[in-house]
């Protein structure tokens, strides 16, 4: 004969979740993730100061794609808001087309530096086209912060860091997210990128 507890589990009653702040987190699991996010460093996006005459290709594409937010970030963002955003986020990975990347951003004859298994590892900065070097600086310093400045790596080294705080702040503000924090920790802003 089955115990009364096993009979309850076989029924249609959902498992009760431990209590958590439902206004801040989607589920109890996401609330737990916040503790893990609290240990991560937040890397601030850097502004991009370039005149139209310095690199018109970049300024034209920034305007065309409406990426002004990425090149001129908000300068006052609360770190707790960013950590709560990441705690509630879902990560999606995809496989890149390595040959297409080289064709799009490198000078003729360039290729990936490969590891011992012939898997692409990184592209040397010197193999990038002039326009790609400009984009590399934006990506390296603002979109996907990385520690190594001389290579375009297949994977970023930012696994222990949280990025895009200005973008996250703007998305939350646009969505009407109400954020209350009695003791805010403000993120430090870096020096803008120049060419």
N, C-alpha and C. Protein backbone atom coordinates (compact mmCIF):
# COMPACT_ATOMS: atom_id res chain seq x y z
N UNK A 1 0.84 -1.18 0.00
CA UNK A 1 0.00 0.00 0.00
C UNK A 1 0.88 1.25 0.00
N UNK A 2 0.56 2.22 -0.84
CA UNK A 2 1.36 3.44 -0.96
C UNK A 2 1.10 4.35 0.22
N UNK A 3 2.12 5.08 0.59
CA UNK A 3 1.98 6.02 1.71
C UNK A 3 1.12 7.21 1.26
N UNK A 4 0.62 7.94 2.25
CA UNK A 4 -0.24 9.08 1.93
C UNK A 4 0.55 10.17 1.21
N UNK A 5 1.87 10.29 1.49
CA UNK A 5 2.66 11.33 0.82
C UNK A 5 2.86 11.00 -0.65
N UNK A 6 3.03 9.71 -1.00
CA UNK A 6 3.21 9.36 -2.41
C UNK A 6 1.90 9.52 -3.17
N UNK A 7 0.76 9.31 -2.49
CA UNK A 7 -0.53 9.53 -3.15
C UNK A 7 -0.68 11.01 -3.52
N UNK A 8 -0.25 11.90 -2.62
CA UNK A 8 -0.36 13.32 -2.91
C UNK A 8 0.52 13.72 -4.08
N UNK A 9 1.71 13.17 -4.21
CA UNK A 9 2.63 13.49 -5.29
C UNK A 9 2.07 13.05 -6.64
N UNK A 10 1.31 11.96 -6.64
CA UNK A 10 0.77 11.48 -7.91
C UNK A 10 -0.43 12.31 -8.36
N UNK A 11 -0.99 13.10 -7.49
CA UNK A 11 -2.14 13.93 -7.82
C UNK A 11 -1.74 15.11 -8.68
N UNK A 12 -2.69 15.99 -8.94
CA UNK A 12 -2.44 17.13 -9.81
C UNK A 12 -2.06 18.40 -9.06
N UNK A 13 -1.85 18.31 -7.76
CA UNK A 13 -1.47 19.49 -7.00
C UNK A 13 -0.02 19.86 -7.32
N UNK A 14 0.25 21.14 -7.66
CA UNK A 14 1.62 21.54 -7.94
C UNK A 14 2.45 21.60 -6.66
N UNK A 15 3.76 21.39 -6.82
CA UNK A 15 4.66 21.51 -5.68
C UNK A 15 4.70 22.96 -5.23
N UNK A 16 4.72 23.16 -3.95
CA UNK A 16 4.84 24.51 -3.43
C UNK A 16 6.27 24.99 -3.53
N UNK A 17 6.45 26.23 -3.98
CA UNK A 17 7.78 26.82 -4.03
C UNK A 17 8.05 27.53 -2.71
N UNK A 18 9.30 27.51 -2.26
CA UNK A 18 9.62 28.28 -1.07
C UNK A 18 9.32 29.76 -1.33
N UNK A 19 9.09 30.53 -0.29
CA UNK A 19 8.79 31.95 -0.50
C UNK A 19 9.96 32.71 -1.12
N UNK A 20 9.64 33.66 -2.00
CA UNK A 20 10.64 34.52 -2.63
C UNK A 20 9.95 35.82 -3.01
N UNK A 21 10.73 36.84 -3.36
CA UNK A 21 10.16 38.14 -3.71
C UNK A 21 9.58 38.08 -5.12
N UNK A 22 8.28 37.87 -5.21
CA UNK A 22 7.62 37.68 -6.50
C UNK A 22 7.61 38.94 -7.36
N UNK A 23 7.76 40.11 -6.75
CA UNK A 23 7.81 41.35 -7.53
C UNK A 23 9.15 41.49 -8.25
N UNK A 24 10.18 40.83 -7.72
CA UNK A 24 11.52 40.97 -8.30
C UNK A 24 11.95 39.80 -9.17
N UNK A 25 11.48 38.58 -8.86
CA UNK A 25 11.98 37.39 -9.54
C UNK A 25 10.84 36.56 -10.11
N UNK A 26 11.12 35.94 -11.26
CA UNK A 26 10.11 35.12 -11.94
C UNK A 26 9.76 33.87 -11.15
N UNK A 27 10.78 33.20 -10.58
CA UNK A 27 10.58 31.97 -9.82
C UNK A 27 11.55 31.95 -8.65
N UNK A 28 11.40 30.96 -7.79
CA UNK A 28 12.33 30.78 -6.68
C UNK A 28 13.74 30.54 -7.22
N UNK A 29 13.85 29.76 -8.29
CA UNK A 29 15.15 29.49 -8.91
C UNK A 29 15.84 30.80 -9.33
N UNK A 30 15.09 31.72 -9.91
CA UNK A 30 15.66 33.00 -10.32
C UNK A 30 16.10 33.82 -9.11
N UNK A 31 15.36 33.72 -8.01
CA UNK A 31 15.76 34.43 -6.78
C UNK A 31 17.08 33.87 -6.26
N UNK A 32 17.28 32.56 -6.38
CA UNK A 32 18.54 31.94 -5.96
C UNK A 32 19.68 32.45 -6.86
N UNK A 33 19.41 32.60 -8.14
CA UNK A 33 20.43 33.08 -9.08
C UNK A 33 20.93 34.47 -8.71
N UNK A 34 20.07 35.28 -8.09
CA UNK A 34 20.48 36.63 -7.70
C UNK A 34 21.68 36.58 -6.75
N UNK A 35 21.69 35.64 -5.82
CA UNK A 35 22.83 35.49 -4.92
C UNK A 35 24.12 35.21 -5.68
N UNK A 36 24.01 34.41 -6.74
CA UNK A 36 25.18 34.11 -7.57
C UNK A 36 25.61 35.33 -8.37
N UNK A 37 24.64 36.11 -8.84
CA UNK A 37 24.95 37.32 -9.61
C UNK A 37 25.62 38.38 -8.75
N UNK A 38 25.31 38.37 -7.46
CA UNK A 38 25.86 39.38 -6.56
C UNK A 38 27.39 39.31 -6.47
N UNK A 39 27.96 38.15 -6.78
CA UNK A 39 29.41 37.98 -6.72
C UNK A 39 30.10 38.46 -8.00
N UNK A 40 29.36 38.72 -9.05
CA UNK A 40 29.95 39.07 -10.34
C UNK A 40 30.20 40.57 -10.47
N UNK A 41 31.29 40.89 -11.13
CA UNK A 41 31.64 42.28 -11.41
C UNK A 41 30.77 42.79 -12.56
N UNK A 42 30.36 44.04 -12.48
CA UNK A 42 29.58 44.65 -13.56
C UNK A 42 30.52 45.52 -14.39
N UNK A 43 30.55 45.25 -15.69
CA UNK A 43 31.39 46.00 -16.62
C UNK A 43 30.51 47.02 -17.33
N UNK A 44 30.84 48.28 -17.17
CA UNK A 44 30.03 49.34 -17.74
C UNK A 44 30.34 49.55 -19.22
N UNK A 45 29.31 49.82 -20.03
CA UNK A 45 29.52 50.18 -21.42
C UNK A 45 30.27 51.50 -21.48
N UNK A 46 31.16 51.62 -22.42
CA UNK A 46 31.88 52.87 -22.60
C UNK A 46 31.27 53.64 -23.76
N UNK A 47 31.17 54.94 -23.61
CA UNK A 47 30.70 55.76 -24.71
C UNK A 47 31.70 55.72 -25.86
N UNK A 48 31.28 56.17 -27.00
CA UNK A 48 32.14 56.15 -28.19
C UNK A 48 32.21 57.56 -28.74
N UNK A 49 33.32 58.25 -28.47
CA UNK A 49 33.49 59.63 -28.93
C UNK A 49 34.29 59.63 -30.22
N UNK A 50 33.59 59.83 -31.32
CA UNK A 50 34.24 59.91 -32.63
C UNK A 50 33.46 60.93 -33.46
N UNK A 51 34.18 61.79 -34.13
CA UNK A 51 33.51 62.78 -34.97
C UNK A 51 33.18 62.15 -36.32
N UNK A 52 32.28 62.76 -37.05
CA UNK A 52 31.88 62.23 -38.36
C UNK A 52 33.05 62.19 -39.33
N UNK A 53 34.01 63.09 -39.14
CA UNK A 53 35.16 63.12 -40.06
C UNK A 53 36.21 62.08 -39.71
N UNK A 54 36.26 61.61 -38.45
CA UNK A 54 37.26 60.61 -38.06
C UNK A 54 36.98 59.25 -38.69
N UNK A 55 35.74 58.83 -38.64
CA UNK A 55 35.38 57.52 -39.20
C UNK A 55 33.91 57.56 -39.62
N UNK A 56 33.63 58.16 -40.78
CA UNK A 56 32.24 58.33 -41.19
C UNK A 56 31.49 57.01 -41.37
N UNK A 57 32.20 55.93 -41.70
CA UNK A 57 31.53 54.63 -41.89
C UNK A 57 30.87 54.17 -40.59
N UNK A 58 31.58 54.36 -39.48
CA UNK A 58 31.05 53.91 -38.19
C UNK A 58 29.90 54.80 -37.75
N UNK A 59 30.09 56.12 -37.80
CA UNK A 59 29.02 57.02 -37.34
C UNK A 59 27.76 56.88 -38.21
N UNK A 60 27.94 56.62 -39.49
CA UNK A 60 26.80 56.42 -40.39
C UNK A 60 26.04 55.15 -40.02
N UNK A 61 26.75 54.07 -39.75
CA UNK A 61 26.09 52.81 -39.40
C UNK A 61 25.45 52.86 -38.02
N UNK A 62 26.07 53.56 -37.08
CA UNK A 62 25.48 53.71 -35.75
C UNK A 62 24.13 54.41 -35.88
N UNK A 63 24.09 55.48 -36.67
CA UNK A 63 22.85 56.23 -36.87
C UNK A 63 21.81 55.41 -37.63
N UNK A 64 22.24 54.73 -38.70
CA UNK A 64 21.33 53.92 -39.52
C UNK A 64 20.68 52.80 -38.70
N UNK A 65 21.46 52.17 -37.83
CA UNK A 65 20.96 51.05 -37.03
C UNK A 65 20.35 51.50 -35.71
N UNK A 66 20.35 52.80 -35.46
CA UNK A 66 19.81 53.39 -34.23
C UNK A 66 20.48 52.79 -32.99
N UNK A 67 21.82 52.76 -33.02
CA UNK A 67 22.62 52.22 -31.92
C UNK A 67 23.16 53.33 -31.02
N UNK A 68 22.57 54.49 -31.05
CA UNK A 68 23.07 55.60 -30.24
C UNK A 68 23.16 55.23 -28.77
N UNK A 69 22.22 54.40 -28.29
CA UNK A 69 22.24 53.95 -26.90
C UNK A 69 23.54 53.22 -26.58
N UNK A 70 24.03 52.43 -27.53
CA UNK A 70 25.26 51.68 -27.31
C UNK A 70 26.49 52.57 -27.31
N UNK A 71 26.42 53.69 -28.01
CA UNK A 71 27.59 54.55 -28.11
C UNK A 71 27.54 55.73 -27.14
N UNK A 72 26.39 55.97 -26.53
CA UNK A 72 26.25 57.07 -25.58
C UNK A 72 25.42 56.58 -24.39
N UNK A 73 26.02 55.76 -23.52
CA UNK A 73 25.25 55.12 -22.45
C UNK A 73 24.82 56.08 -21.34
N UNK A 74 23.79 55.66 -20.60
CA UNK A 74 23.33 56.36 -19.41
C UNK A 74 24.47 56.30 -18.39
N UNK A 75 24.68 57.37 -17.65
CA UNK A 75 25.84 57.40 -16.75
C UNK A 75 25.53 57.08 -15.30
N UNK A 76 24.29 56.84 -14.95
CA UNK A 76 23.95 56.53 -13.55
C UNK A 76 23.01 55.33 -13.51
N UNK A 77 23.57 54.16 -13.17
CA UNK A 77 22.80 52.92 -13.16
C UNK A 77 23.04 52.20 -11.83
N UNK A 78 21.97 51.69 -11.25
CA UNK A 78 22.03 50.97 -9.99
C UNK A 78 22.44 49.51 -10.24
N UNK A 79 23.47 49.04 -9.56
CA UNK A 79 23.99 47.68 -9.75
C UNK A 79 22.97 46.61 -9.39
N UNK A 80 22.13 46.84 -8.40
CA UNK A 80 21.14 45.84 -8.01
C UNK A 80 20.13 45.59 -9.12
N UNK A 81 19.73 46.64 -9.83
CA UNK A 81 18.82 46.48 -10.96
C UNK A 81 19.44 45.57 -12.02
N UNK A 82 20.71 45.76 -12.31
CA UNK A 82 21.40 44.94 -13.32
C UNK A 82 21.47 43.49 -12.86
N UNK A 83 21.80 43.26 -11.60
CA UNK A 83 21.90 41.89 -11.08
C UNK A 83 20.53 41.19 -11.08
N UNK A 84 19.47 41.92 -10.74
CA UNK A 84 18.13 41.33 -10.79
C UNK A 84 17.74 40.98 -12.22
N UNK A 85 18.10 41.83 -13.17
CA UNK A 85 17.82 41.56 -14.58
C UNK A 85 18.49 40.25 -15.00
N UNK A 86 19.79 40.10 -14.71
CA UNK A 86 20.50 38.88 -15.09
C UNK A 86 19.97 37.66 -14.36
N UNK A 87 19.56 37.81 -13.11
CA UNK A 87 19.01 36.67 -12.37
C UNK A 87 17.74 36.14 -13.04
N UNK A 88 16.98 37.02 -13.66
CA UNK A 88 15.73 36.63 -14.32
C UNK A 88 15.90 36.28 -15.80
N UNK A 89 17.10 36.46 -16.34
CA UNK A 89 17.33 36.25 -17.78
C UNK A 89 17.55 34.77 -18.12
N UNK A 90 17.29 34.44 -19.38
CA UNK A 90 17.54 33.11 -19.91
C UNK A 90 18.62 33.23 -20.96
N UNK A 91 19.62 32.36 -20.93
CA UNK A 91 20.74 32.41 -21.87
C UNK A 91 20.47 31.52 -23.09
N UNK A 92 20.77 32.05 -24.27
CA UNK A 92 20.62 31.29 -25.51
C UNK A 92 21.96 31.31 -26.24
N UNK A 93 22.47 30.15 -26.62
CA UNK A 93 23.74 30.05 -27.35
C UNK A 93 23.48 29.63 -28.79
N UNK A 94 24.34 30.05 -29.70
CA UNK A 94 24.23 29.64 -31.10
C UNK A 94 25.62 29.37 -31.66
N UNK A 95 25.69 28.64 -32.76
CA UNK A 95 26.98 28.31 -33.37
C UNK A 95 27.27 29.30 -34.50
N UNK A 96 28.44 29.96 -34.45
CA UNK A 96 28.78 30.94 -35.49
C UNK A 96 29.30 30.29 -36.77
N UNK A 97 29.20 31.00 -37.90
CA UNK A 97 29.78 30.57 -39.16
C UNK A 97 31.17 31.22 -39.25
N UNK A 98 32.19 30.46 -38.90
CA UNK A 98 33.55 31.00 -38.79
C UNK A 98 34.09 31.53 -40.12
N UNK A 99 33.83 30.84 -41.22
CA UNK A 99 34.31 31.29 -42.53
C UNK A 99 33.68 32.63 -42.92
N UNK A 100 32.39 32.78 -42.62
CA UNK A 100 31.70 34.02 -42.94
C UNK A 100 32.24 35.18 -42.11
N UNK A 101 32.58 34.92 -40.87
CA UNK A 101 33.15 35.97 -40.00
C UNK A 101 34.44 36.49 -40.61
N UNK A 102 35.34 35.59 -41.01
CA UNK A 102 36.62 35.99 -41.61
C UNK A 102 36.38 36.79 -42.89
N UNK A 103 35.47 36.33 -43.72
CA UNK A 103 35.18 37.01 -44.98
C UNK A 103 34.64 38.42 -44.75
N UNK A 104 33.82 38.57 -43.71
CA UNK A 104 33.17 39.86 -43.44
C UNK A 104 34.09 40.89 -42.79
N UNK A 105 35.02 40.47 -41.95
CA UNK A 105 35.74 41.46 -41.14
C UNK A 105 37.26 41.47 -41.32
N UNK A 106 37.80 40.57 -42.14
CA UNK A 106 39.26 40.47 -42.26
C UNK A 106 39.78 40.91 -43.63
N UNK A 107 41.06 41.26 -43.65
CA UNK A 107 41.73 41.57 -44.90
C UNK A 107 41.91 40.27 -45.67
N UNK A 108 42.06 40.33 -47.00
CA UNK A 108 42.24 39.10 -47.79
C UNK A 108 43.45 38.29 -47.31
N UNK A 109 43.27 36.98 -47.26
CA UNK A 109 44.35 36.08 -46.84
C UNK A 109 44.40 35.80 -45.35
N UNK A 110 43.61 36.49 -44.56
CA UNK A 110 43.60 36.28 -43.11
C UNK A 110 42.76 35.06 -42.76
N UNK A 111 43.02 34.49 -41.59
CA UNK A 111 42.25 33.34 -41.12
C UNK A 111 42.33 33.30 -39.60
N UNK A 112 41.53 32.45 -39.01
CA UNK A 112 41.55 32.24 -37.57
C UNK A 112 42.88 31.60 -37.17
N UNK A 113 43.38 31.95 -36.00
CA UNK A 113 44.43 31.17 -35.37
C UNK A 113 43.68 30.01 -34.73
N UNK A 114 44.16 28.80 -34.99
CA UNK A 114 43.41 27.62 -34.56
C UNK A 114 44.15 26.88 -33.45
N UNK A 115 43.39 26.12 -32.67
CA UNK A 115 43.99 25.32 -31.61
C UNK A 115 44.51 24.01 -32.19
N UNK A 116 45.01 23.11 -31.35
CA UNK A 116 45.60 21.85 -31.82
C UNK A 116 44.59 20.93 -32.49
N UNK A 117 43.29 21.18 -32.27
CA UNK A 117 42.24 20.37 -32.89
C UNK A 117 41.66 21.06 -34.12
N UNK A 118 42.34 22.12 -34.61
CA UNK A 118 41.93 22.90 -35.79
C UNK A 118 40.65 23.70 -35.58
N UNK A 119 40.25 23.87 -34.32
CA UNK A 119 39.06 24.67 -34.02
C UNK A 119 39.47 26.14 -33.94
N UNK A 120 38.68 27.05 -34.56
CA UNK A 120 39.01 28.48 -34.49
C UNK A 120 39.13 28.96 -33.04
N UNK A 121 40.20 29.70 -32.78
CA UNK A 121 40.46 30.20 -31.43
C UNK A 121 40.34 31.72 -31.37
N UNK A 122 41.04 32.44 -32.27
CA UNK A 122 40.94 33.89 -32.33
C UNK A 122 41.47 34.40 -33.66
N UNK A 123 41.13 35.67 -33.95
CA UNK A 123 41.64 36.38 -35.12
C UNK A 123 42.55 37.48 -34.59
N UNK A 124 43.70 37.65 -35.19
CA UNK A 124 44.61 38.72 -34.77
C UNK A 124 44.02 40.07 -35.16
N UNK A 125 44.17 41.04 -34.28
CA UNK A 125 43.64 42.37 -34.53
C UNK A 125 44.20 42.96 -35.82
N UNK A 126 45.46 42.67 -36.11
CA UNK A 126 46.09 43.18 -37.32
C UNK A 126 45.49 42.63 -38.60
N UNK A 127 44.73 41.53 -38.51
CA UNK A 127 44.09 40.94 -39.69
C UNK A 127 42.72 41.55 -39.98
N UNK A 128 42.26 42.45 -39.13
CA UNK A 128 40.95 43.08 -39.34
C UNK A 128 41.04 44.23 -40.33
N UNK A 129 39.95 44.46 -41.06
CA UNK A 129 39.88 45.63 -41.94
C UNK A 129 39.84 46.89 -41.06
N UNK A 130 40.14 48.07 -41.61
CA UNK A 130 40.09 49.29 -40.78
C UNK A 130 38.72 49.51 -40.12
N UNK A 131 37.64 49.30 -40.87
CA UNK A 131 36.31 49.47 -40.27
C UNK A 131 36.07 48.45 -39.17
N UNK A 132 36.50 47.20 -39.40
CA UNK A 132 36.33 46.16 -38.38
C UNK A 132 37.12 46.47 -37.12
N UNK A 133 38.28 47.13 -37.27
CA UNK A 133 39.06 47.53 -36.09
C UNK A 133 38.27 48.54 -35.25
N UNK A 134 37.58 49.45 -35.91
CA UNK A 134 36.74 50.40 -35.18
C UNK A 134 35.62 49.70 -34.44
N UNK A 135 34.93 48.78 -35.13
CA UNK A 135 33.86 48.01 -34.49
C UNK A 135 34.43 47.15 -33.37
N UNK A 136 35.62 46.60 -33.58
CA UNK A 136 36.27 45.78 -32.57
C UNK A 136 36.42 46.58 -31.27
N UNK A 137 36.80 47.86 -31.38
CA UNK A 137 36.96 48.70 -30.19
C UNK A 137 35.63 48.90 -29.48
N UNK A 138 34.55 49.11 -30.24
CA UNK A 138 33.22 49.27 -29.62
C UNK A 138 32.83 47.98 -28.92
N UNK A 139 32.96 46.85 -29.63
CA UNK A 139 32.57 45.56 -29.07
C UNK A 139 33.43 45.22 -27.86
N UNK A 140 34.73 45.39 -27.98
CA UNK A 140 35.68 45.02 -26.92
C UNK A 140 35.44 45.81 -25.65
N UNK A 141 35.14 47.07 -25.78
CA UNK A 141 35.04 47.93 -24.61
C UNK A 141 33.63 48.10 -24.10
N UNK A 142 32.63 47.83 -24.91
CA UNK A 142 31.30 48.17 -24.50
C UNK A 142 30.32 47.03 -24.61
N UNK A 143 30.28 46.37 -25.73
CA UNK A 143 29.25 45.35 -25.93
C UNK A 143 29.65 44.02 -25.28
N UNK A 144 30.85 43.54 -25.52
CA UNK A 144 31.36 42.31 -24.91
C UNK A 144 32.72 42.58 -24.28
N UNK A 145 32.75 43.17 -23.10
CA UNK A 145 34.02 43.53 -22.49
C UNK A 145 34.93 42.31 -22.35
N UNK A 146 36.20 42.50 -22.70
CA UNK A 146 37.18 41.42 -22.64
C UNK A 146 38.49 41.94 -22.09
N UNK A 147 39.28 41.05 -21.52
CA UNK A 147 40.56 41.44 -20.95
C UNK A 147 41.66 41.56 -21.98
N UNK A 148 41.62 40.76 -23.06
CA UNK A 148 42.67 40.78 -24.07
C UNK A 148 42.29 41.75 -25.17
N UNK A 149 43.14 42.73 -25.43
CA UNK A 149 42.80 43.78 -26.38
C UNK A 149 43.40 43.59 -27.76
N UNK A 150 44.18 42.55 -27.99
CA UNK A 150 44.87 42.41 -29.26
C UNK A 150 44.28 41.32 -30.15
N UNK A 151 43.25 40.63 -29.69
CA UNK A 151 42.69 39.52 -30.45
C UNK A 151 41.17 39.58 -30.43
N UNK A 152 40.58 39.05 -31.50
CA UNK A 152 39.14 38.86 -31.56
C UNK A 152 38.93 37.39 -31.26
N UNK A 153 38.51 37.05 -30.04
CA UNK A 153 38.43 35.65 -29.62
C UNK A 153 37.10 35.02 -29.99
N UNK A 154 37.12 33.69 -30.15
CA UNK A 154 35.92 32.94 -30.48
C UNK A 154 34.93 33.02 -29.33
N UNK A 155 35.40 33.06 -28.09
CA UNK A 155 34.53 33.24 -26.93
C UNK A 155 35.08 34.35 -26.07
N UNK A 156 34.19 35.13 -25.49
CA UNK A 156 34.60 36.22 -24.60
C UNK A 156 35.06 35.66 -23.27
N UNK A 157 35.95 36.39 -22.60
CA UNK A 157 36.41 35.96 -21.29
C UNK A 157 35.58 36.60 -20.18
N UNK A 158 34.36 37.04 -20.48
CA UNK A 158 33.55 37.78 -19.52
C UNK A 158 32.57 36.89 -18.75
N UNK A 159 32.86 35.59 -18.62
CA UNK A 159 31.96 34.68 -17.94
C UNK A 159 31.67 35.05 -16.50
N UNK A 160 32.61 35.68 -15.81
CA UNK A 160 32.42 36.07 -14.43
C UNK A 160 32.00 37.52 -14.28
N UNK A 161 31.55 38.14 -15.36
CA UNK A 161 31.19 39.55 -15.34
C UNK A 161 29.80 39.74 -15.94
N UNK A 162 29.19 40.85 -15.57
CA UNK A 162 27.88 41.21 -16.12
C UNK A 162 28.04 42.48 -16.93
N UNK A 163 27.55 42.48 -18.14
CA UNK A 163 27.69 43.64 -19.02
C UNK A 163 26.37 44.31 -19.31
N UNK A 164 26.44 45.38 -20.11
CA UNK A 164 25.29 46.13 -20.62
C UNK A 164 24.45 46.84 -19.57
N UNK A 165 25.00 47.36 -18.48
CA UNK A 165 24.14 47.97 -17.47
C UNK A 165 23.31 49.15 -17.97
N UNK A 166 23.88 49.98 -18.83
CA UNK A 166 23.14 51.12 -19.35
C UNK A 166 21.98 50.66 -20.22
N UNK A 167 22.24 49.67 -21.07
CA UNK A 167 21.20 49.12 -21.94
C UNK A 167 20.08 48.50 -21.11
N UNK A 168 20.46 47.74 -20.08
CA UNK A 168 19.47 47.12 -19.20
C UNK A 168 18.62 48.18 -18.51
N UNK A 169 19.28 49.23 -18.01
CA UNK A 169 18.54 50.32 -17.35
C UNK A 169 17.52 50.93 -18.31
N UNK A 170 17.94 51.22 -19.55
CA UNK A 170 17.03 51.83 -20.53
C UNK A 170 15.88 50.91 -20.90
N UNK A 171 16.15 49.61 -21.05
CA UNK A 171 15.08 48.65 -21.36
C UNK A 171 14.07 48.58 -20.21
N UNK A 172 14.57 48.56 -18.99
CA UNK A 172 13.68 48.50 -17.82
C UNK A 172 12.84 49.77 -17.71
N UNK A 173 13.48 50.92 -17.95
CA UNK A 173 12.75 52.20 -17.88
C UNK A 173 11.66 52.23 -18.95
N UNK A 174 11.99 51.76 -20.16
CA UNK A 174 11.01 51.76 -21.26
C UNK A 174 9.84 50.82 -20.96
N UNK A 175 10.12 49.71 -20.27
CA UNK A 175 9.09 48.73 -19.94
C UNK A 175 8.28 49.15 -18.71
N UNK A 176 8.67 50.24 -18.06
CA UNK A 176 7.95 50.71 -16.88
C UNK A 176 8.26 49.94 -15.62
N UNK A 177 9.43 49.32 -15.55
CA UNK A 177 9.81 48.57 -14.36
C UNK A 177 9.98 49.54 -13.19
N UNK A 178 9.28 49.26 -12.11
CA UNK A 178 9.42 50.08 -10.91
C UNK A 178 10.54 49.48 -10.08
N UNK A 179 11.54 50.29 -9.80
CA UNK A 179 12.69 49.79 -9.07
C UNK A 179 12.90 50.63 -7.82
N UNK A 180 12.84 49.95 -6.68
CA UNK A 180 13.04 50.63 -5.41
C UNK A 180 14.25 50.03 -4.72
N UNK A 181 15.15 50.88 -4.30
CA UNK A 181 16.35 50.44 -3.59
C UNK A 181 16.74 51.54 -2.62
N UNK A 182 16.63 51.25 -1.34
CA UNK A 182 16.93 52.24 -0.32
C UNK A 182 18.40 52.58 -0.19
N UNK A 183 19.27 51.68 -0.62
CA UNK A 183 20.71 51.89 -0.50
C UNK A 183 21.39 51.52 -1.83
N UNK A 184 21.26 52.37 -2.85
CA UNK A 184 21.77 52.00 -4.17
C UNK A 184 23.30 51.93 -4.24
N UNK A 185 23.78 50.98 -5.04
CA UNK A 185 25.21 50.88 -5.37
C UNK A 185 25.33 51.33 -6.82
N UNK A 186 25.95 52.49 -7.04
CA UNK A 186 26.04 53.03 -8.40
C UNK A 186 27.24 52.44 -9.11
N UNK A 187 27.07 52.09 -10.37
CA UNK A 187 28.13 51.52 -11.18
C UNK A 187 29.06 52.61 -11.63
N UNK A 188 30.37 52.34 -11.59
CA UNK A 188 31.37 53.33 -12.02
C UNK A 188 31.44 53.37 -13.54
N UNK A 189 31.46 54.57 -14.08
CA UNK A 189 31.49 54.79 -15.52
C UNK A 189 32.95 54.88 -15.98
N UNK A 190 33.26 54.28 -17.15
CA UNK A 190 34.61 54.32 -17.69
C UNK A 190 34.86 55.50 -18.61
N UNK A 191 36.06 55.58 -19.14
CA UNK A 191 36.45 56.63 -20.06
C UNK A 191 35.95 56.28 -21.46
N UNK A 192 35.36 57.23 -22.19
CA UNK A 192 34.84 56.93 -23.54
C UNK A 192 35.91 56.46 -24.51
N UNK A 193 35.49 55.69 -25.50
CA UNK A 193 36.37 55.19 -26.57
C UNK A 193 36.60 56.32 -27.56
N UNK A 194 37.83 56.46 -28.01
CA UNK A 194 38.16 57.42 -29.07
C UNK A 194 39.02 56.68 -30.11
N UNK A 195 39.08 57.21 -31.31
CA UNK A 195 39.93 56.61 -32.34
C UNK A 195 41.23 57.35 -32.44
